[in-house]
Amino acid sequence: MKQKRPTNRLWSALRGLWNRRTSAAGDRAPATRQAGGDLPQPVTRRVSLLIIDPLVPNGQRLSRALGWHDSERLIAALIDDLREVSHGYANYAVAERIISDAFPIKADGFQYTANDYLTRWHARAPFYQPDAVDYRGIVEQFDFIQKINAGVIDEVWAICFPWGGFYESRMAGPGAYFCNAPPLQGTDHSGRRFVIMCFNYERGVGEMLESYGHRAESIMERVFAGVPPERSLWRRYTRYNAVAPGHAEVGNIHFAPNSTRDYEWGSPRFVPSRCRNWERFPDLSGEPVMVNAGEWGGGDIRAHHRWWFSLLPHIGGETGGIANNWWQYIVNPDLT
């Protein structure tokens, strides 16, 4: 016999039952030292913005010729989003703006011409492989390490076309480590670590936040690398129901609390989650509540990522020797 769908009253009762459950002992936060609710002093991070938007035969920029987004507007929106979701802490400022007319050279020396690239794009033909761009050549061409050492910039943001050969993020400098890509070798003469981000002006702000989210994930993995998994607040933050049934928290940048597959941010399925507890960090003792995609934007990529970022700990004090403001690590890898 076909099962009947539970009534709204029954759903309310089930959610109420979950919401009355007490937290498991293993889910309680460790004791906090110097805990406080005050926001830390905001920081400003100076960016070298490299806009790689080649000229095509009709005299237009590639982005305009193919009807893609305006790079300046994308970057401005990303800066606004990061400031807002970090609760005012992360303030990025464009210290210099470089507009490159040429297609960047690949690591093996290949370089697209405008006609070649446009032909491949319109025909949906395969793009050149290996795709990897010559990172060190770009770093040298635009004197990024000299600018880092002189205190002119703190990091590099490139924005490029599809199949440009860049990783979403890559760390350089002494002691650089995996940041959603292997560390960039041959850059130890930099006085400090720095991140090279790359965004894609064919896509939107949501995808830019996702790229920045993978940077955040890599850096926070490093911060908590020495903490046993059962005590790691980062491991706890990133739990979702598919891998920890009944114990979801916020999830990761690809998986919301109720996701069952990559990029599934719009599922209406309710699962128990303690995601709202992170609004009261470091007190994570609250009971789980039943949530679905309505909690984080109903499937919109930008809304989900803003929600995910906004719940990251962002206050003064520390817990277990790690700052309660995780943003300080994300924006400044020299602190990790």
Foldseek 3Di string as FASTA:
>chain_A
DDDDDDDPVVVVVVLVVQQPDFDDPLPFAFDFDPDDDAFDDADEFEEAEEEEFAAAPVRDTNCVVVVFADPVVQVVVLQVLVCVLLVNRYHYDHLHYHYHRAQAAAPVGDGDDRVRVVVCVVVVHDDDPPLAGNVVVVCVVVVVLVCQQVVSGQEYEYEEAPSSRDQQKEKEEPPGCDQVHGHDPPRPPRPAMYMYGYHYRNDHNLVNLLSLQSSLLVLLCVVCVPPPLSNDPSNLQQAACCVPPQRAEQHGLQDGNDDPDGLALQDPDWGWYQPVLLVVPPGSRGGTGIDHSVVQPRRDSNSNSSSSSNSQQRRAGDGPPHGSRSVVCSRGVRVD
